N, C-alpha and C. Protein backbone atom coordinates (compact mmCIF):
# COMPACT_ATOMS: atom_id res chain seq x y z
N MET A 1 -45.90 4.52 4.78
CA MET A 1 -44.64 4.67 5.62
C MET A 1 -44.49 6.23 5.91
N GLU A 2 -44.73 7.04 4.88
CA GLU A 2 -44.52 8.48 5.03
C GLU A 2 -45.28 9.07 6.22
N ASP A 3 -46.44 8.57 6.52
CA ASP A 3 -47.20 9.13 7.62
C ASP A 3 -46.72 8.62 8.96
N LYS A 4 -45.82 7.54 9.01
CA LYS A 4 -45.41 7.06 10.25
C LYS A 4 -44.00 7.51 10.64
N LEU A 5 -43.20 7.92 9.64
CA LEU A 5 -41.84 8.36 10.05
C LEU A 5 -41.35 9.43 9.07
N ARG A 6 -40.30 10.11 9.54
CA ARG A 6 -39.72 11.21 8.70
C ARG A 6 -38.19 10.93 8.76
N ALA A 7 -37.60 10.88 7.55
CA ALA A 7 -36.12 10.67 7.48
C ALA A 7 -35.47 11.95 7.06
N THR A 8 -34.40 12.31 7.79
CA THR A 8 -33.56 13.46 7.48
C THR A 8 -32.05 13.05 7.32
N GLU A 9 -31.52 13.45 6.19
CA GLU A 9 -30.11 13.02 5.93
C GLU A 9 -29.25 13.65 6.91
N VAL A 10 -28.24 12.90 7.48
CA VAL A 10 -27.21 13.46 8.39
C VAL A 10 -25.94 13.51 7.74
N ALA A 11 -25.53 12.38 7.09
CA ALA A 11 -24.23 12.40 6.30
C ALA A 11 -24.20 11.27 5.34
N ARG A 12 -23.37 11.46 4.29
CA ARG A 12 -23.14 10.36 3.27
C ARG A 12 -21.65 10.28 3.18
N LEU A 13 -21.14 8.97 3.26
CA LEU A 13 -19.74 8.71 3.12
C LEU A 13 -19.49 7.55 2.23
N ARG A 14 -18.23 7.56 1.66
CA ARG A 14 -17.86 6.40 0.88
C ARG A 14 -16.49 5.90 1.37
N ALA A 15 -16.43 4.60 1.69
CA ALA A 15 -15.21 4.07 2.23
C ALA A 15 -14.29 4.02 1.04
N PRO A 16 -12.97 4.50 1.18
CA PRO A 16 -12.03 4.49 0.12
C PRO A 16 -11.52 3.26 -0.40
N ILE A 17 -11.41 2.28 0.46
CA ILE A 17 -10.75 0.99 0.04
C ILE A 17 -11.85 0.04 -0.46
N GLY A 18 -12.84 -0.21 0.22
CA GLY A 18 -13.93 -1.16 -0.18
C GLY A 18 -15.05 -0.51 -1.02
N GLY A 19 -15.11 0.76 -1.03
CA GLY A 19 -16.12 1.53 -1.79
C GLY A 19 -17.49 1.41 -1.28
N GLN A 20 -17.63 0.93 -0.06
CA GLN A 20 -19.02 0.90 0.58
C GLN A 20 -19.60 2.28 0.70
N GLU A 21 -20.90 2.43 0.47
CA GLU A 21 -21.62 3.57 0.59
C GLU A 21 -22.28 3.64 2.05
N ILE A 22 -22.06 4.68 2.74
CA ILE A 22 -22.51 4.69 4.14
C ILE A 22 -23.45 5.95 4.27
N ASP A 23 -24.70 5.70 4.55
CA ASP A 23 -25.70 6.75 4.74
C ASP A 23 -26.18 6.85 6.18
N LEU A 24 -26.15 8.00 6.72
CA LEU A 24 -26.64 8.24 8.07
C LEU A 24 -27.89 9.07 7.95
N GLN A 25 -28.96 8.66 8.62
CA GLN A 25 -30.28 9.46 8.58
C GLN A 25 -30.85 9.52 10.00
N GLN A 26 -31.46 10.63 10.32
CA GLN A 26 -32.20 10.71 11.60
C GLN A 26 -33.61 10.25 11.13
N ILE A 27 -34.16 9.23 11.85
CA ILE A 27 -35.47 8.75 11.69
C ILE A 27 -36.39 9.20 12.82
N ASP A 28 -37.36 9.97 12.52
CA ASP A 28 -38.30 10.48 13.49
C ASP A 28 -39.69 9.76 13.28
N TYR A 29 -40.09 9.00 14.37
CA TYR A 29 -41.32 8.33 14.32
C TYR A 29 -42.44 9.29 14.76
N VAL A 30 -43.36 9.63 13.87
CA VAL A 30 -44.35 10.61 14.12
C VAL A 30 -45.21 10.25 15.30
N HIS A 31 -45.63 9.08 15.45
CA HIS A 31 -46.43 8.62 16.61
C HIS A 31 -45.50 7.96 17.61
N GLY A 32 -45.37 8.55 18.75
CA GLY A 32 -44.47 8.07 19.81
C GLY A 32 -43.35 8.98 20.05
N GLY A 33 -42.94 9.81 19.05
CA GLY A 33 -41.93 10.84 19.25
C GLY A 33 -40.52 10.28 19.40
N ILE A 34 -40.21 9.11 18.94
CA ILE A 34 -38.87 8.51 19.13
C ILE A 34 -38.06 8.93 17.93
N SER A 35 -36.80 9.24 18.14
CA SER A 35 -35.85 9.49 17.07
C SER A 35 -34.71 8.52 17.18
N LEU A 36 -34.29 7.96 16.03
CA LEU A 36 -33.19 6.94 16.01
C LEU A 36 -32.24 7.35 14.88
N LEU A 37 -30.96 6.91 14.91
CA LEU A 37 -30.00 7.10 13.89
C LEU A 37 -30.06 5.88 13.00
N ARG A 38 -30.38 6.00 11.74
CA ARG A 38 -30.25 4.86 10.82
C ARG A 38 -28.92 4.87 10.09
N ILE A 39 -28.22 3.76 10.16
CA ILE A 39 -26.95 3.60 9.46
C ILE A 39 -27.28 2.53 8.36
N ARG A 40 -26.99 2.95 7.12
CA ARG A 40 -27.29 2.06 6.00
C ARG A 40 -25.94 1.94 5.29
N ILE A 41 -25.47 0.71 5.18
CA ILE A 41 -24.23 0.47 4.43
C ILE A 41 -24.51 -0.37 3.21
N ARG A 42 -24.13 0.09 2.07
CA ARG A 42 -24.36 -0.59 0.83
C ARG A 42 -23.10 -1.13 0.36
N GLU A 43 -22.95 -2.49 0.08
CA GLU A 43 -21.77 -3.11 -0.44
C GLU A 43 -22.28 -3.80 -1.78
N GLY A 44 -22.13 -3.18 -2.91
CA GLY A 44 -22.69 -3.83 -4.14
C GLY A 44 -24.13 -3.83 -4.11
N ARG A 45 -24.73 -5.08 -4.14
CA ARG A 45 -26.20 -5.13 -4.10
C ARG A 45 -26.66 -5.47 -2.64
N ARG A 46 -25.78 -5.62 -1.77
CA ARG A 46 -26.06 -5.97 -0.33
C ARG A 46 -26.27 -4.78 0.54
N PHE A 47 -27.24 -4.72 1.39
CA PHE A 47 -27.43 -3.61 2.36
C PHE A 47 -27.50 -4.11 3.73
N THR A 48 -26.86 -3.37 4.62
CA THR A 48 -26.95 -3.58 6.02
C THR A 48 -27.49 -2.34 6.69
N VAL A 49 -28.56 -2.52 7.50
CA VAL A 49 -29.17 -1.35 8.11
C VAL A 49 -29.29 -1.54 9.56
N PHE A 50 -28.92 -0.54 10.36
CA PHE A 50 -29.02 -0.51 11.78
C PHE A 50 -29.91 0.81 12.14
N ASP A 51 -30.83 0.67 13.05
CA ASP A 51 -31.56 1.80 13.63
C ASP A 51 -31.14 1.79 15.05
N ILE A 52 -30.39 2.87 15.58
CA ILE A 52 -29.83 2.75 16.92
C ILE A 52 -30.30 4.10 17.66
N ASP A 53 -30.38 3.89 19.02
CA ASP A 53 -30.79 4.94 19.90
C ASP A 53 -29.55 5.88 20.13
N SER A 54 -29.77 7.01 20.78
CA SER A 54 -28.71 8.04 20.93
C SER A 54 -27.63 7.52 21.89
N ALA A 55 -27.88 6.66 22.83
CA ALA A 55 -26.80 6.25 23.75
C ALA A 55 -25.90 5.26 23.02
N THR A 56 -26.51 4.40 22.13
CA THR A 56 -25.71 3.47 21.38
C THR A 56 -24.91 4.28 20.29
N ALA A 57 -25.49 5.30 19.68
CA ALA A 57 -24.73 6.02 18.75
C ALA A 57 -23.54 6.77 19.42
N ALA A 58 -23.76 7.34 20.69
CA ALA A 58 -22.70 7.94 21.32
C ALA A 58 -21.61 7.02 21.69
N ALA A 59 -21.87 5.81 22.16
CA ALA A 59 -20.87 4.82 22.46
C ALA A 59 -20.14 4.40 21.28
N TRP A 60 -20.79 4.16 20.20
CA TRP A 60 -20.22 3.78 18.89
C TRP A 60 -19.31 4.89 18.45
N GLY A 61 -19.75 6.06 18.42
CA GLY A 61 -18.99 7.25 17.97
C GLY A 61 -17.72 7.47 18.77
N ASP A 62 -17.89 7.38 20.11
CA ASP A 62 -16.68 7.43 20.93
C ASP A 62 -15.67 6.39 20.65
N ALA A 63 -16.02 5.16 20.47
CA ALA A 63 -15.18 4.10 20.16
C ALA A 63 -14.51 4.34 18.85
N MET A 64 -15.21 4.84 17.85
CA MET A 64 -14.61 5.18 16.56
C MET A 64 -13.57 6.31 16.66
N LEU A 65 -13.94 7.36 17.47
CA LEU A 65 -13.01 8.49 17.66
C LEU A 65 -11.74 8.02 18.34
N ARG A 66 -11.86 7.18 19.34
CA ARG A 66 -10.73 6.73 20.08
C ARG A 66 -9.70 5.91 19.10
N TRP A 67 -10.40 5.10 18.26
CA TRP A 67 -9.60 4.38 17.25
C TRP A 67 -8.97 5.25 16.31
N SER A 68 -9.72 6.21 15.71
CA SER A 68 -9.14 7.07 14.71
C SER A 68 -8.02 7.96 15.24
N ARG A 69 -8.14 8.46 16.43
CA ARG A 69 -7.11 9.25 17.07
C ARG A 69 -5.78 8.53 17.36
N ALA A 70 -5.90 7.09 17.41
CA ALA A 70 -4.71 6.34 17.66
C ALA A 70 -3.99 5.95 16.39
N GLN A 71 -4.53 6.40 15.24
CA GLN A 71 -3.86 6.06 13.88
C GLN A 71 -3.11 7.30 13.42
N THR A 72 -2.18 7.02 12.64
CA THR A 72 -1.37 8.13 11.96
C THR A 72 -2.19 8.52 10.65
N PRO A 73 -2.24 9.75 10.29
CA PRO A 73 -3.09 10.22 9.22
C PRO A 73 -2.66 9.58 7.91
N ALA A 74 -1.40 9.56 7.66
CA ALA A 74 -0.88 9.10 6.31
C ALA A 74 -1.00 7.56 6.10
N THR A 75 -0.78 6.83 7.03
CA THR A 75 -0.64 5.34 6.80
C THR A 75 -1.80 4.50 7.44
N GLY A 76 -2.49 5.13 8.40
CA GLY A 76 -3.58 4.29 9.07
C GLY A 76 -2.96 3.33 10.15
N GLU A 77 -1.71 3.39 10.30
CA GLU A 77 -1.07 2.52 11.25
C GLU A 77 -1.13 3.12 12.67
N ALA A 78 -1.12 2.28 13.70
CA ALA A 78 -1.14 2.74 15.04
C ALA A 78 0.09 3.61 15.41
N ARG A 79 -0.11 4.56 16.23
CA ARG A 79 1.06 5.36 16.70
C ARG A 79 1.86 4.71 17.77
């Protein structure tokens, strides 16, 4: 697998309430030149993995920003 792709860490997060571990990695495929964002969520022994393109990552990120900006920082409730 090493000769087919290269993984570079982008961010590591931990959800405060559920304790899920969230890893973001850039995955570069050596042959073909495609780069994807890998989202890996660990909940106990269970893993969920998404490999998404930049357009999907941008749309997902925009939706998350819109949601987070609509929340109050202290309580998480909508403004």
